[in-house]
Amino acid sequence: MLRAMPDERGTFDVEEFADELSRARSNHDIGTALWFEDDRIRVFESRLEPGERAPFHVHDKTYFWTVVDAGRGLQRFADGTYLVHDYVLGETKRLDHTVTETLIHDLENVGDTTLRFVTVELKD
């Protein structure tokens, strides 16, 4: 069983990711595989093996995610801050974003197990 550690927060040099960040506002791939899409929702799987990283992308709609394989993840945000968090099985979070209040971030698996989420984006 994964033992949760306290979250770690800090800053990073955004210049290391400048090219990727410049494209992030047009990257709506919020997972590693699109499982389903219709006129109301998109359902993604995010699966990252140890050391793998999903690129910077934008969230501009309400969505929620649920952890289906627990692990340790590092999220970097466009403002130069980062968060390392131990995700536990069943952990679920809803986030409300709009085209004027977006979230831009990446996700890297910094643990030693597969990290996997199911994410549902609401289109309306």
N, C-alpha and C. Protein backbone atom coordinates (compact mmCIF):
# COMPACT_ATOMS: atom_id res chain seq x y z
N MET A 1 0.84 -1.18 0.00
CA MET A 1 0.00 0.00 0.00
C MET A 1 0.88 1.24 0.00
N LEU A 2 0.52 2.22 -0.82
CA LEU A 2 1.27 3.47 -0.91
C LEU A 2 1.06 4.29 0.34
N ARG A 3 2.14 4.74 0.93
CA ARG A 3 2.05 5.60 2.10
C ARG A 3 2.13 7.04 1.64
N ALA A 4 1.10 7.82 1.93
CA ALA A 4 1.05 9.21 1.49
C ALA A 4 2.04 10.05 2.29
N MET A 5 2.80 10.83 1.57
CA MET A 5 3.74 11.78 2.17
C MET A 5 3.09 13.16 2.11
N PRO A 6 3.54 14.08 2.94
CA PRO A 6 3.00 15.44 2.83
C PRO A 6 3.30 16.01 1.44
N ASP A 7 2.39 16.83 0.94
CA ASP A 7 2.62 17.49 -0.34
C ASP A 7 3.87 18.34 -0.27
N GLU A 8 4.57 18.40 -1.39
CA GLU A 8 5.75 19.25 -1.52
C GLU A 8 5.42 20.33 -2.54
N ARG A 9 5.74 21.58 -2.22
CA ARG A 9 5.48 22.70 -3.12
C ARG A 9 6.78 23.47 -3.33
N GLY A 10 6.90 24.07 -4.51
CA GLY A 10 8.09 24.86 -4.78
C GLY A 10 7.96 25.59 -6.09
N THR A 11 9.09 26.02 -6.63
CA THR A 11 9.12 26.74 -7.90
C THR A 11 10.11 26.06 -8.85
N PHE A 12 9.94 26.33 -10.13
CA PHE A 12 10.83 25.82 -11.16
C PHE A 12 11.04 26.91 -12.20
N ASP A 13 12.04 26.73 -13.05
CA ASP A 13 12.36 27.69 -14.10
C ASP A 13 11.47 27.43 -15.31
N VAL A 14 10.50 28.32 -15.56
CA VAL A 14 9.57 28.12 -16.67
C VAL A 14 10.28 28.17 -18.03
N GLU A 15 11.44 28.79 -18.08
CA GLU A 15 12.17 28.86 -19.35
C GLU A 15 12.56 27.47 -19.86
N GLU A 16 12.73 26.51 -18.96
CA GLU A 16 13.03 25.14 -19.37
C GLU A 16 11.92 24.54 -20.21
N PHE A 17 10.70 25.07 -20.08
CA PHE A 17 9.52 24.54 -20.77
C PHE A 17 8.88 25.60 -21.67
N ALA A 18 9.62 26.63 -22.04
CA ALA A 18 9.05 27.78 -22.75
C ALA A 18 8.34 27.38 -24.04
N ASP A 19 8.96 26.52 -24.86
CA ASP A 19 8.33 26.12 -26.13
C ASP A 19 7.02 25.38 -25.88
N GLU A 20 7.06 24.45 -24.95
CA GLU A 20 5.86 23.67 -24.65
C GLU A 20 4.76 24.55 -24.06
N LEU A 21 5.14 25.46 -23.16
CA LEU A 21 4.16 26.37 -22.56
C LEU A 21 3.53 27.28 -23.60
N SER A 22 4.28 27.66 -24.62
CA SER A 22 3.73 28.53 -25.66
C SER A 22 2.64 27.83 -26.46
N ARG A 23 2.66 26.50 -26.50
CA ARG A 23 1.65 25.72 -27.22
C ARG A 23 0.54 25.19 -26.30
N ALA A 24 0.68 25.36 -25.01
CA ALA A 24 -0.24 24.72 -24.06
C ALA A 24 -1.68 25.18 -24.20
N ARG A 25 -1.91 26.45 -24.51
CA ARG A 25 -3.29 26.95 -24.62
C ARG A 25 -4.08 26.27 -25.74
N SER A 26 -3.40 25.68 -26.69
CA SER A 26 -4.10 24.97 -27.77
C SER A 26 -4.04 23.45 -27.59
N ASN A 27 -3.44 22.99 -26.50
CA ASN A 27 -3.36 21.55 -26.23
C ASN A 27 -4.50 21.15 -25.29
N HIS A 28 -5.55 20.58 -25.86
CA HIS A 28 -6.71 20.13 -25.08
C HIS A 28 -6.69 18.63 -24.82
N ASP A 29 -5.55 17.98 -25.05
CA ASP A 29 -5.40 16.56 -24.74
C ASP A 29 -5.11 16.44 -23.26
N ILE A 30 -6.15 16.25 -22.46
CA ILE A 30 -6.01 16.27 -21.01
C ILE A 30 -5.75 14.88 -20.43
N GLY A 31 -5.46 13.93 -21.28
CA GLY A 31 -5.12 12.58 -20.85
C GLY A 31 -4.22 11.94 -21.89
N THR A 32 -3.83 10.71 -21.64
CA THR A 32 -2.98 10.00 -22.58
C THR A 32 -3.78 9.21 -23.61
N ALA A 33 -5.08 8.97 -23.35
CA ALA A 33 -5.93 8.29 -24.31
C ALA A 33 -7.37 8.79 -24.16
N LEU A 34 -7.98 9.17 -25.27
CA LEU A 34 -9.39 9.56 -25.27
C LEU A 34 -10.23 8.29 -25.39
N TRP A 35 -11.04 8.01 -24.37
CA TRP A 35 -11.85 6.79 -24.37
C TRP A 35 -13.23 7.00 -24.99
N PHE A 36 -13.79 8.20 -24.82
CA PHE A 36 -15.17 8.44 -25.27
C PHE A 36 -15.37 9.93 -25.44
N GLU A 37 -16.17 10.30 -26.45
CA GLU A 37 -16.55 11.70 -26.62
C GLU A 37 -17.91 11.75 -27.29
N ASP A 38 -18.76 12.64 -26.80
CA ASP A 38 -20.01 12.96 -27.46
C ASP A 38 -20.22 14.46 -27.35
N ASP A 39 -21.44 14.93 -27.55
CA ASP A 39 -21.66 16.38 -27.53
C ASP A 39 -21.67 16.96 -26.11
N ARG A 40 -21.61 16.12 -25.07
CA ARG A 40 -21.69 16.62 -23.69
C ARG A 40 -20.43 16.37 -22.86
N ILE A 41 -19.69 15.28 -23.14
CA ILE A 41 -18.52 14.94 -22.32
C ILE A 41 -17.38 14.39 -23.15
N ARG A 42 -16.19 14.41 -22.54
CA ARG A 42 -15.03 13.67 -23.05
C ARG A 42 -14.48 12.88 -21.86
N VAL A 43 -14.14 11.62 -22.09
CA VAL A 43 -13.60 10.75 -21.05
C VAL A 43 -12.20 10.34 -21.46
N PHE A 44 -11.23 10.63 -20.60
CA PHE A 44 -9.83 10.32 -20.86
C PHE A 44 -9.28 9.35 -19.82
N GLU A 45 -8.33 8.56 -20.25
CA GLU A 45 -7.45 7.85 -19.33
C GLU A 45 -6.13 8.61 -19.33
N SER A 46 -5.55 8.78 -18.16
CA SER A 46 -4.19 9.28 -18.03
C SER A 46 -3.38 8.17 -17.38
N ARG A 47 -2.44 7.61 -18.13
CA ARG A 47 -1.61 6.52 -17.63
C ARG A 47 -0.16 6.92 -17.84
N LEU A 48 0.57 7.00 -16.72
CA LEU A 48 1.98 7.36 -16.77
C LEU A 48 2.79 6.32 -16.01
N GLU A 49 3.76 5.75 -16.70
CA GLU A 49 4.70 4.83 -16.05
C GLU A 49 5.73 5.66 -15.29
N PRO A 50 6.46 5.06 -14.35
CA PRO A 50 7.48 5.81 -13.61
C PRO A 50 8.42 6.55 -14.57
N GLY A 51 8.59 7.84 -14.30
CA GLY A 51 9.46 8.68 -15.12
C GLY A 51 8.78 9.31 -16.32
N GLU A 52 7.58 8.86 -16.68
CA GLU A 52 6.87 9.44 -17.82
C GLU A 52 6.21 10.76 -17.43
N ARG A 53 6.04 11.61 -18.45
CA ARG A 53 5.48 12.93 -18.23
C ARG A 53 4.48 13.27 -19.34
N ALA A 54 3.33 13.80 -18.94
CA ALA A 54 2.35 14.34 -19.90
C ALA A 54 2.66 15.82 -20.07
N PRO A 55 2.64 16.33 -21.31
CA PRO A 55 3.04 17.72 -21.55
C PRO A 55 2.04 18.73 -20.98
N PHE A 56 2.49 19.97 -20.95
CA PHE A 56 1.60 21.07 -20.54
C PHE A 56 0.38 21.10 -21.45
N HIS A 57 -0.78 21.28 -20.84
CA HIS A 57 -2.05 21.34 -21.54
C HIS A 57 -2.98 22.27 -20.79
N VAL A 58 -4.10 22.60 -21.41
CA VAL A 58 -5.03 23.56 -20.82
C VAL A 58 -6.33 22.87 -20.41
N HIS A 59 -6.86 23.33 -19.30
CA HIS A 59 -8.21 22.98 -18.86
C HIS A 59 -9.02 24.27 -18.92
N ASP A 60 -10.06 24.27 -19.76
CA ASP A 60 -10.91 25.46 -19.87
C ASP A 60 -12.39 25.10 -19.75
N LYS A 61 -12.63 23.92 -19.16
CA LYS A 61 -13.98 23.45 -18.89
C LYS A 61 -13.99 22.75 -17.53
N THR A 62 -15.16 22.62 -16.96
CA THR A 62 -15.31 21.87 -15.71
C THR A 62 -14.98 20.40 -15.99
N TYR A 63 -14.26 19.79 -15.05
CA TYR A 63 -13.90 18.38 -15.19
C TYR A 63 -13.69 17.77 -13.82
N PHE A 64 -13.67 16.44 -13.79
CA PHE A 64 -13.27 15.75 -12.56
C PHE A 64 -12.41 14.57 -12.92
N TRP A 65 -11.56 14.19 -11.98
CA TRP A 65 -10.70 13.03 -12.17
C TRP A 65 -10.81 12.13 -10.96
N THR A 66 -10.55 10.83 -11.20
CA THR A 66 -10.53 9.83 -10.15
C THR A 66 -9.29 8.96 -10.34
N VAL A 67 -8.58 8.70 -9.26
CA VAL A 67 -7.38 7.87 -9.29
C VAL A 67 -7.80 6.40 -9.33
N VAL A 68 -7.32 5.66 -10.33
CA VAL A 68 -7.61 4.23 -10.41
C VAL A 68 -6.36 3.38 -10.17
N ASP A 69 -5.17 3.95 -10.30
CA ASP A 69 -3.92 3.32 -9.87
C ASP A 69 -3.12 4.38 -9.14
N ALA A 70 -2.93 4.18 -7.85
CA ALA A 70 -2.29 5.18 -6.99
C ALA A 70 -0.82 5.37 -7.33
N GLY A 71 -0.32 6.54 -7.04
CA GLY A 71 1.09 6.83 -7.28
C GLY A 71 1.46 8.25 -6.88
N ARG A 72 2.68 8.62 -7.19
CA ARG A 72 3.22 9.93 -6.81
C ARG A 72 3.38 10.77 -8.08
N GLY A 73 2.78 11.96 -8.08
CA GLY A 73 2.82 12.81 -9.26
C GLY A 73 3.37 14.19 -8.97
N LEU A 74 4.03 14.75 -9.96
CA LEU A 74 4.54 16.12 -9.93
C LEU A 74 3.78 16.91 -10.98
N GLN A 75 3.11 17.98 -10.53
CA GLN A 75 2.45 18.90 -11.45
C GLN A 75 3.21 20.21 -11.46
N ARG A 76 3.54 20.70 -12.65
CA ARG A 76 4.12 22.03 -12.81
C ARG A 76 3.02 22.92 -13.38
N PHE A 77 2.97 24.15 -12.91
CA PHE A 77 1.95 25.10 -13.35
C PHE A 77 2.61 26.23 -14.12
N ALA A 78 1.82 26.87 -14.98
CA ALA A 78 2.35 27.92 -15.87
C ALA A 78 2.93 29.11 -15.12
N ASP A 79 2.56 29.29 -13.85
CA ASP A 79 3.08 30.42 -13.07
C ASP A 79 4.45 30.14 -12.45
N GLY A 80 5.02 28.95 -12.74
CA GLY A 80 6.34 28.61 -12.21
C GLY A 80 6.33 27.89 -10.88
N THR A 81 5.16 27.48 -10.41
CA THR A 81 5.09 26.70 -9.17
C THR A 81 4.89 25.24 -9.50
N TYR A 82 5.20 24.38 -8.52
CA TYR A 82 4.95 22.94 -8.71
C TYR A 82 4.38 22.36 -7.43
N LEU A 83 3.79 21.17 -7.58
CA LEU A 83 3.21 20.43 -6.47
C LEU A 83 3.53 18.96 -6.68
N VAL A 84 4.07 18.30 -5.66
CA VAL A 84 4.26 16.85 -5.66
C VAL A 84 3.23 16.29 -4.68
N HIS A 85 2.47 15.30 -5.15
CA HIS A 85 1.35 14.78 -4.35
C HIS A 85 1.29 13.26 -4.50
N ASP A 86 0.99 12.58 -3.41
CA ASP A 86 0.73 11.15 -3.43
C ASP A 86 -0.76 10.95 -3.67
N TYR A 87 -1.10 10.41 -4.84
CA TYR A 87 -2.49 10.17 -5.21
C TYR A 87 -2.88 8.79 -4.72
N VAL A 88 -4.01 8.70 -4.01
CA VAL A 88 -4.46 7.44 -3.44
C VAL A 88 -5.66 6.90 -4.22
N LEU A 89 -5.80 5.60 -4.23
CA LEU A 89 -6.88 4.93 -4.94
C LEU A 89 -8.23 5.54 -4.56
N GLY A 90 -9.01 5.92 -5.55
CA GLY A 90 -10.34 6.48 -5.33
C GLY A 90 -10.37 7.97 -5.10
N GLU A 91 -9.22 8.59 -4.91
CA GLU A 91 -9.18 10.04 -4.73
C GLU A 91 -9.83 10.70 -5.95
N THR A 92 -10.72 11.63 -5.71
CA THR A 92 -11.48 12.28 -6.78
C THR A 92 -11.53 13.78 -6.51
N LYS A 93 -11.41 14.56 -7.57
CA LYS A 93 -11.46 16.01 -7.42
C LYS A 93 -12.18 16.61 -8.62
N ARG A 94 -13.05 17.58 -8.35
CA ARG A 94 -13.74 18.34 -9.40
C ARG A 94 -13.11 19.72 -9.46
N LEU A 95 -12.88 20.20 -10.68
CA LEU A 95 -12.29 21.51 -10.90
C LEU A 95 -13.13 22.27 -11.91
N ASP A 96 -13.46 23.51 -11.59
CA ASP A 96 -14.28 24.34 -12.47
C ASP A 96 -13.39 25.36 -13.17
N HIS A 97 -13.31 25.26 -14.49
CA HIS A 97 -12.53 26.20 -15.29
C HIS A 97 -13.37 26.68 -16.46
N THR A 98 -13.00 27.84 -16.98
CA THR A 98 -13.68 28.43 -18.14
C THR A 98 -12.61 28.94 -19.10
N VAL A 99 -13.02 29.43 -20.25
CA VAL A 99 -12.05 29.97 -21.21
C VAL A 99 -11.36 31.21 -20.67
N THR A 100 -11.95 31.87 -19.68
CA THR A 100 -11.30 33.05 -19.08
C THR A 100 -10.59 32.71 -17.77
N GLU A 101 -10.89 31.57 -17.20
CA GLU A 101 -10.23 31.11 -15.97
C GLU A 101 -9.71 29.70 -16.20
N THR A 102 -8.57 29.63 -16.88
CA THR A 102 -8.01 28.34 -17.29
C THR A 102 -7.00 27.81 -16.27
N LEU A 103 -6.67 26.55 -16.44
CA LEU A 103 -5.58 25.92 -15.71
C LEU A 103 -4.64 25.33 -16.75
N ILE A 104 -3.36 25.69 -16.66
CA ILE A 104 -2.34 25.10 -17.52
C ILE A 104 -1.34 24.39 -16.61
N HIS A 105 -1.12 23.10 -16.90
CA HIS A 105 -0.19 22.32 -16.09
C HIS A 105 0.28 21.10 -16.87
N ASP A 106 1.30 20.44 -16.34
CA ASP A 106 1.74 19.15 -16.85
C ASP A 106 1.56 18.14 -15.73
N LEU A 107 1.94 16.90 -15.96
CA LEU A 107 1.91 15.88 -14.92
C LEU A 107 3.02 14.88 -15.21
N GLU A 108 3.84 14.63 -14.19
CA GLU A 108 4.94 13.69 -14.32
C GLU A 108 4.82 12.65 -13.21
N ASN A 109 5.04 11.40 -13.55
CA ASN A 109 5.03 10.33 -12.57
C ASN A 109 6.43 10.28 -11.94
N VAL A 110 6.53 10.71 -10.69
CA VAL A 110 7.81 10.70 -9.98
C VAL A 110 7.87 9.58 -8.95
N GLY A 111 6.95 8.64 -9.06
CA GLY A 111 6.93 7.49 -8.17
C GLY A 111 7.52 6.26 -8.84
N ASP A 112 7.29 5.12 -8.21
CA ASP A 112 7.83 3.87 -8.76
C ASP A 112 6.74 2.89 -9.15
N THR A 113 5.50 3.37 -9.31
CA THR A 113 4.38 2.55 -9.77
C THR A 113 3.68 3.28 -10.91
N THR A 114 2.87 2.56 -11.67
CA THR A 114 2.04 3.19 -12.69
C THR A 114 1.06 4.13 -12.01
N LEU A 115 0.93 5.33 -12.54
CA LEU A 115 -0.03 6.33 -12.04
C LEU A 115 -1.13 6.44 -13.09
N ARG A 116 -2.40 6.25 -12.67
CA ARG A 116 -3.49 6.24 -13.65
C ARG A 116 -4.73 6.91 -13.10
N PHE A 117 -5.32 7.75 -13.93
CA PHE A 117 -6.55 8.48 -13.62
C PHE A 117 -7.57 8.23 -14.72
N VAL A 118 -8.84 8.40 -14.40
CA VAL A 118 -9.89 8.58 -15.39
C VAL A 118 -10.39 10.00 -15.18
N THR A 119 -10.45 10.75 -16.29
CA THR A 119 -10.85 12.16 -16.24
C THR A 119 -12.06 12.35 -17.13
N VAL A 120 -13.07 13.04 -16.61
CA VAL A 120 -14.28 13.35 -17.37
C VAL A 120 -14.40 14.86 -17.48
N GLU A 121 -14.42 15.35 -18.72
CA GLU A 121 -14.58 16.78 -19.00
C GLU A 121 -16.00 17.03 -19.44
N LEU A 122 -16.64 18.03 -18.83
CA LEU A 122 -18.00 18.41 -19.18
C LEU A 122 -17.95 19.50 -20.23
N LYS A 123 -18.58 19.29 -21.36
CA LYS A 123 -18.50 20.24 -22.46
C LYS A 123 -19.43 21.44 -22.31
N ASP A 124 -20.54 21.28 -21.58
CA ASP A 124 -21.48 22.41 -21.47
C ASP A 124 -21.61 22.92 -20.06
